[in-house]
Amino acid sequence: MTATRENKKTSFEQIMSERALYIDHLLRDYFASLSFAEGAGSAQLKKSMEYSLFGQGKRFRPTLCLMMAEALGHDVDTILPFACAVEMIHTYSLIHDDLPCMDNDDYRRGEPTNHKVFGDSTALLSGDALLTEAFSVLARPHSLPATQALALIQVLSQAAGALGMIGGQALDMNAKKTAQDVDQLTTMQAMKTGALIRVCCEGVTMAFQRSEKEIELARRFGEDLGLAFQLADDLLDSKDEKIEAGSFPALIGLEATKEFLKKVSARAQTSLFSLGIKVGSLHDLVNYNLNRTI
């Protein structure tokens, strides 16, 4: 990697970090405004929610919302409630994924998982509370008209529910028992991990009442970006460990996975060009992910 490219990567990561910090402050302010009931149970619930929400997350999804708004020439403040709602849903999904009845993980990002600190019941409830609170954020009066807020609630609930993330999780649980092909794996990943990435891009264009064509292009970009990140993660995992069964490298091989990543990344860039986004942070994001595997 050349010095120029390394400096650009460092600069881009710095921008991501600054926006993540901004989102973190907004979430903390929001939680400070909530009036939890008195009592040990409520205090424990609040601590559990904050433990995961204010952990070591990169705030990738809400930052993507801000990037999309900026790229389309809109004021990011308008989209902040939506960005925060997406992060709450993402955090809830991680708490539940780690539970003994699911992936049964003891650590996340080097720290004990929520249920290891607060117990299974409180972890379950804190995940439920974050999911519910996400839609409360969108339903509160803010800068978006009611019609746009309602549209965002609808599209986000679809992305998070049985037709999106939860449905993908169900497919993943079944896939551990049965063999998969590439099409099945692509569908599962598009729902489980890709839906919340896709909805960041789609939701922002909807919030600002862009045309149906622009909304569809943003949706395609989000779909390809989510898949590209999954492909890159699979390639990175294959460098450090044995190739995981059910991953893209396991099904099609390392070289084919690399070519697939390049193809999907190129499609994402094409969607951006069609949206009139010629340069900027979204293009940098696609290239950053592609270069992670080099």
Protein backbone atom coordinates (compact mmCIF):
# COMPACT_ATOMS: atom_id res chain seq x y z
CA MET A 1 0.00 0.00 0.00
CA THR A 2 1.41 3.36 -1.00
CA ALA A 3 1.86 6.19 1.49
CA THR A 4 -0.84 8.24 -0.27
CA ARG A 5 -3.35 5.42 -0.09
CA GLU A 6 -2.48 4.73 3.54
CA ASN A 7 -2.98 8.40 4.43
CA LYS A 8 -6.33 8.46 2.66
CA LYS A 9 -7.45 5.38 4.56
CA THR A 10 -6.40 6.94 7.84
CA SER A 11 -8.25 10.15 6.99
CA PHE A 12 -11.39 8.24 6.06
CA GLU A 13 -11.29 6.22 9.26
CA GLN A 14 -10.91 9.46 11.20
CA ILE A 15 -14.04 10.86 9.57
CA MET A 16 -15.92 7.66 10.46
CA SER A 17 -14.70 7.92 14.04
CA GLU A 18 -15.81 11.55 14.38
CA ARG A 19 -19.31 10.80 13.09
CA ALA A 20 -19.56 7.76 15.37
CA LEU A 21 -18.71 9.97 18.34
CA TYR A 22 -21.41 12.43 17.28
CA ILE A 23 -24.00 9.62 17.17
CA ASP A 24 -22.79 8.40 20.56
CA HIS A 25 -23.39 11.83 22.11
CA LEU A 26 -26.90 11.96 20.65
CA LEU A 27 -27.78 8.53 22.03
CA ARG A 28 -26.44 9.47 25.46
CA ASP A 29 -28.48 12.66 25.46
CA TYR A 30 -31.58 10.70 24.51
CA PHE A 31 -31.10 8.17 27.28
CA ALA A 32 -30.51 10.96 29.79
CA SER A 33 -33.94 12.32 28.86
CA LEU A 34 -35.75 9.06 29.67
CA SER A 35 -37.50 8.74 33.02
CA PHE A 36 -37.06 5.17 34.19
CA ALA A 37 -39.24 3.98 37.08
CA GLU A 38 -37.66 3.86 40.51
CA GLY A 39 -36.47 0.52 41.82
CA ALA A 40 -33.62 -1.94 41.48
CA GLY A 41 -35.18 -3.70 38.48
CA SER A 42 -35.47 -0.54 36.41
CA ALA A 43 -31.97 0.55 37.37
CA GLN A 44 -30.60 -2.83 36.29
CA LEU A 45 -32.51 -2.66 33.02
CA LYS A 46 -31.13 0.79 32.25
CA LYS A 47 -27.58 -0.30 33.03
CA SER A 48 -27.97 -3.34 30.79
CA MET A 49 -29.28 -1.27 27.88
CA GLU A 50 -26.49 1.28 28.23
CA TYR A 51 -23.84 -1.41 28.64
CA SER A 52 -24.44 -2.70 25.12
CA LEU A 53 -25.53 0.52 23.45
CA PHE A 54 -22.48 2.44 24.69
CA GLY A 55 -19.96 -0.36 24.29
CA GLN A 56 -17.31 -0.54 21.61
CA GLY A 57 -19.62 -0.31 18.61
CA LYS A 58 -18.37 1.46 15.50
CA ARG A 59 -21.75 3.14 14.79
CA PHE A 60 -21.40 2.04 11.19
CA ARG A 61 -25.10 1.99 10.35
CA PRO A 62 -26.06 5.42 11.71
CA THR A 63 -22.90 6.88 10.17
CA LEU A 64 -24.00 5.42 6.84
CA CYS A 65 -27.30 7.28 7.25
CA LEU A 66 -25.44 10.55 7.70
CA MET A 67 -23.19 9.84 4.72
CA MET A 68 -26.17 9.17 2.47
CA ALA A 69 -27.91 12.37 3.56
CA GLU A 70 -24.74 14.40 2.94
CA ALA A 71 -24.14 12.77 -0.44
CA LEU A 72 -27.66 13.72 -1.53
CA GLY A 73 -27.14 17.30 -0.34
CA HIS A 74 -29.50 17.22 2.64
CA ASP A 75 -29.22 18.42 6.24
CA VAL A 76 -28.10 15.49 8.40
CA ASP A 77 -29.99 16.78 11.45
CA THR A 78 -33.25 15.75 9.81
CA ILE A 79 -32.19 12.11 9.67
CA LEU A 80 -30.68 11.80 13.16
CA PRO A 81 -33.72 10.17 14.84
CA PHE A 82 -33.75 7.51 12.11
CA ALA A 83 -30.00 6.95 12.46
CA CYS A 84 -30.30 6.50 16.22
CA ALA A 85 -33.26 4.14 15.82
CA VAL A 86 -31.26 1.91 13.47
CA GLU A 87 -28.41 1.72 15.99
CA MET A 88 -30.79 0.75 18.80
CA ILE A 89 -32.20 -2.08 16.68
CA HIS A 90 -28.72 -3.25 15.72
CA THR A 91 -27.66 -3.28 19.38
CA TYR A 92 -30.73 -5.22 20.47
CA SER A 93 -30.02 -7.85 17.82
CA LEU A 94 -26.47 -8.33 19.15
CA ILE A 95 -27.71 -8.78 22.73
CA HIS A 96 -30.17 -11.45 21.62
CA ASP A 97 -27.71 -13.14 19.25
CA ASP A 98 -25.29 -13.66 22.16
CA LEU A 99 -27.86 -15.36 24.43
CA PRO A 100 -27.38 -19.04 25.34
CA CYS A 101 -30.45 -20.01 23.30
CA MET A 102 -28.89 -18.45 20.19
CA ASP A 103 -25.13 -18.23 19.57
CA ASN A 104 -24.21 -18.59 23.27
CA ASP A 105 -21.27 -16.17 23.16
CA ASP A 106 -19.39 -15.13 26.29
CA TYR A 107 -17.57 -12.15 24.77
CA ARG A 108 -18.26 -9.42 22.23
CA ARG A 109 -15.55 -7.00 21.13
CA GLY A 110 -13.35 -8.28 23.96
CA GLU A 111 -15.89 -7.59 26.70
CA PRO A 112 -18.29 -9.96 28.48
CA THR A 113 -21.61 -10.22 26.65
CA ASN A 114 -24.68 -8.62 28.18
CA HIS A 115 -26.15 -11.79 29.64
CA LYS A 116 -22.82 -12.66 31.25
CA VAL A 117 -22.92 -9.38 33.16
CA PHE A 118 -26.63 -8.94 33.86
CA GLY A 119 -28.09 -12.44 33.45
CA ASP A 120 -30.22 -13.95 30.71
CA SER A 121 -33.53 -12.41 31.77
CA THR A 122 -32.27 -8.83 32.02
CA ALA A 123 -30.36 -9.18 28.73
CA LEU A 124 -33.51 -10.42 27.02
CA LEU A 125 -35.54 -7.53 28.41
CA SER A 126 -32.92 -4.90 27.56
CA GLY A 127 -32.89 -6.12 23.96
CA ASP A 128 -36.69 -5.96 23.86
CA ALA A 129 -36.59 -2.45 25.35
CA LEU A 130 -34.06 -1.18 22.79
CA LEU A 131 -36.13 -2.55 19.92
CA THR A 132 -39.28 -0.89 21.24
CA GLU A 133 -37.53 2.37 22.07
CA ALA A 134 -36.20 2.60 18.52
CA PHE A 135 -39.70 3.08 17.16
CA SER A 136 -40.53 5.49 19.97
CA VAL A 137 -37.66 7.66 18.75
CA LEU A 138 -39.15 7.80 15.26
CA ALA A 139 -42.67 8.40 16.54
CA ARG A 140 -41.69 11.46 18.59
CA PRO A 141 -42.27 14.92 17.12
CA HIS A 142 -39.17 16.05 15.23
CA SER A 143 -38.19 17.74 12.00
CA LEU A 144 -39.73 15.07 9.74
CA PRO A 145 -43.41 15.42 8.78
CA ALA A 146 -45.68 12.66 10.11
CA THR A 147 -46.06 11.01 6.70
CA GLN A 148 -42.30 10.58 6.29
CA ALA A 149 -41.87 9.39 9.88
CA LEU A 150 -44.59 6.78 9.33
CA ALA A 151 -42.91 5.62 6.11
CA LEU A 152 -39.60 5.21 7.98
CA ILE A 153 -41.27 3.23 10.75
CA GLN A 154 -42.75 0.92 8.14
CA VAL A 155 -39.56 0.36 6.14
CA LEU A 156 -37.44 -0.06 9.27
CA SER A 157 -39.85 -2.54 10.84
CA GLN A 158 -39.77 -4.60 7.64
CA ALA A 159 -35.97 -4.57 7.56
CA ALA A 160 -35.77 -5.60 11.22
CA GLY A 161 -38.56 -8.17 11.25
CA ALA A 162 -39.57 -11.48 9.70
CA LEU A 163 -38.94 -10.20 6.16
CA GLY A 164 -35.47 -8.93 7.07
CA MET A 165 -33.07 -9.40 9.96
CA ILE A 166 -35.16 -11.79 12.07
CA GLY A 167 -36.08 -13.85 9.03
CA GLY A 168 -32.41 -14.05 8.09
CA GLN A 169 -31.53 -15.17 11.60
CA ALA A 170 -34.11 -17.96 11.31
CA LEU A 171 -32.60 -19.03 8.00
CA ASP A 172 -29.14 -19.00 9.56
CA MET A 173 -30.21 -21.22 12.45
CA ASN A 174 -31.66 -23.75 10.04
CA ALA A 175 -28.63 -23.51 7.74
CA LYS A 176 -26.43 -24.84 10.55
CA LYS A 177 -28.33 -28.10 10.27
CA THR A 178 -28.63 -28.36 6.49
CA ALA A 179 -26.35 -27.75 3.52
CA GLN A 180 -26.53 -24.41 1.64
CA ASP A 181 -25.76 -23.25 -1.86
CA VAL A 182 -24.53 -19.80 -2.87
CA ASP A 183 -28.00 -18.45 -3.63
CA GLN A 184 -29.31 -19.55 -0.24
CA LEU A 185 -26.32 -18.05 1.54
CA THR A 186 -26.67 -14.77 -0.36
CA THR A 187 -30.36 -14.56 0.54
CA MET A 188 -29.68 -15.33 4.18
CA GLN A 189 -26.93 -12.73 4.48
CA ALA A 190 -29.02 -10.12 2.63
CA MET A 191 -31.69 -10.55 5.28
CA LYS A 192 -29.68 -11.20 8.43
CA THR A 193 -26.91 -8.62 8.11
CA GLY A 194 -27.71 -6.74 4.91
CA ALA A 195 -31.25 -5.56 5.66
CA LEU A 196 -30.24 -2.99 8.27
CA ILE A 197 -27.46 -1.71 6.02
CA ARG A 198 -29.82 -1.50 3.05
CA VAL A 199 -32.50 0.34 5.03
CA CYS A 200 -30.02 3.05 6.05
CA CYS A 201 -29.64 4.06 2.41
CA GLU A 202 -33.23 3.40 1.39
CA GLY A 203 -34.70 5.13 4.43
CA VAL A 204 -32.72 8.33 3.97
CA THR A 205 -33.90 8.75 0.38
CA MET A 206 -37.47 8.10 1.53
CA ALA A 207 -37.17 10.62 4.36
CA PHE A 208 -36.28 13.35 1.91
CA GLN A 209 -39.00 12.29 -0.54
CA ARG A 210 -36.66 11.56 -3.40
CA SER A 211 -38.06 9.92 -6.54
CA GLU A 212 -38.99 6.25 -6.72
CA LYS A 213 -36.06 5.70 -9.07
CA GLU A 214 -33.64 7.26 -6.58
CA ILE A 215 -35.07 5.23 -3.71
CA GLU A 216 -34.61 2.04 -5.73
CA LEU A 217 -31.02 2.98 -6.62
CA ALA A 218 -30.27 3.70 -2.95
CA ARG A 219 -31.80 0.37 -2.02
CA ARG A 220 -29.60 -1.45 -4.56
CA PHE A 221 -26.54 0.37 -3.30
CA GLY A 222 -27.35 -0.63 0.28
CA GLU A 223 -27.93 -4.24 -0.71
CA ASP A 224 -24.61 -4.46 -2.54
CA LEU A 225 -22.77 -2.63 0.24
CA GLY A 226 -24.10 -5.07 2.83
CA LEU A 227 -23.11 -8.06 0.71
CA ALA A 228 -19.68 -6.55 0.02
CA PHE A 229 -19.01 -6.16 3.74
CA GLN A 230 -20.03 -9.77 4.36
CA LEU A 231 -17.75 -11.02 1.59
CA ALA A 232 -14.84 -8.99 2.97
CA ASP A 233 -15.48 -10.31 6.48
CA ASP A 234 -15.50 -13.88 5.18
CA LEU A 235 -12.19 -13.30 3.42
CA LEU A 236 -10.62 -11.74 6.51
CA ASP A 237 -11.81 -14.63 8.68
CA SER A 238 -10.25 -17.10 6.25
CA LYS A 239 -6.84 -15.46 6.68
CA ASP A 240 -6.66 -16.05 10.42
CA GLU A 241 -8.56 -19.29 10.85
CA LYS A 242 -9.61 -22.32 8.89
CA ILE A 243 -12.32 -21.55 6.35
CA GLU A 244 -15.64 -21.59 8.15
CA ALA A 245 -18.25 -24.01 6.85
CA GLY A 246 -21.16 -22.22 5.20
CA SER A 247 -19.12 -19.11 4.34
CA PHE A 248 -18.63 -17.85 0.81
CA PRO A 249 -15.00 -19.07 0.65
CA ALA A 250 -16.15 -22.52 1.78
CA LEU A 251 -18.77 -22.68 -0.95
CA ILE A 252 -16.99 -21.09 -3.91
CA GLY A 253 -13.35 -20.80 -2.84
CA LEU A 254 -11.14 -17.85 -1.88
CA GLU A 255 -10.37 -16.56 -5.36
CA ALA A 256 -13.99 -16.72 -6.50
CA THR A 257 -15.01 -14.88 -3.33
CA LYS A 258 -12.48 -12.14 -4.09
CA GLU A 259 -13.85 -11.77 -7.62
CA PHE A 260 -17.41 -11.74 -6.27
CA LEU A 261 -16.42 -8.94 -3.88
CA LYS A 262 -14.97 -6.89 -6.74
CA LYS A 263 -18.12 -7.42 -8.82
CA VAL A 264 -20.48 -6.44 -6.00
CA SER A 265 -18.35 -3.39 -5.13
CA ALA A 266 -18.42 -2.26 -8.76
CA ARG A 267 -22.22 -2.60 -8.78
CA ALA A 268 -22.43 -0.46 -5.65
CA GLN A 269 -20.30 2.24 -7.28
CA THR A 270 -22.51 2.14 -10.39
CA SER A 271 -25.61 2.74 -8.29
CA LEU A 272 -23.94 5.77 -6.72
CA PHE A 273 -23.05 7.19 -10.14
CA SER A 274 -26.66 6.67 -11.26
CA LEU A 275 -27.78 8.61 -8.18
CA GLY A 276 -25.57 11.48 -9.29
CA ILE A 277 -23.03 10.81 -6.53
CA LYS A 278 -19.74 10.95 -8.42
CA VAL A 279 -17.26 11.30 -5.53
CA GLY A 280 -17.27 11.48 -1.76
CA SER A 281 -17.43 9.40 1.39
CA LEU A 282 -19.76 6.70 0.04
CA HIS A 283 -17.32 5.87 -2.76
CA ASP A 284 -14.53 5.94 -0.17
CA LEU A 285 -16.52 3.51 1.98
CA VAL A 286 -16.86 1.01 -0.87
CA ASN A 287 -13.14 1.25 -1.62
CA TYR A 288 -12.23 1.03 2.06
CA ASN A 289 -14.12 -2.23 2.40
CA LEU A 290 -12.60 -3.62 -0.79
CA ASN A 291 -9.09 -2.75 0.40
CA ARG A 292 -9.62 -4.41 3.79
CA THR A 293 -8.91 -7.78 2.19
CA ILE A 294 -5.61 -6.77 0.52
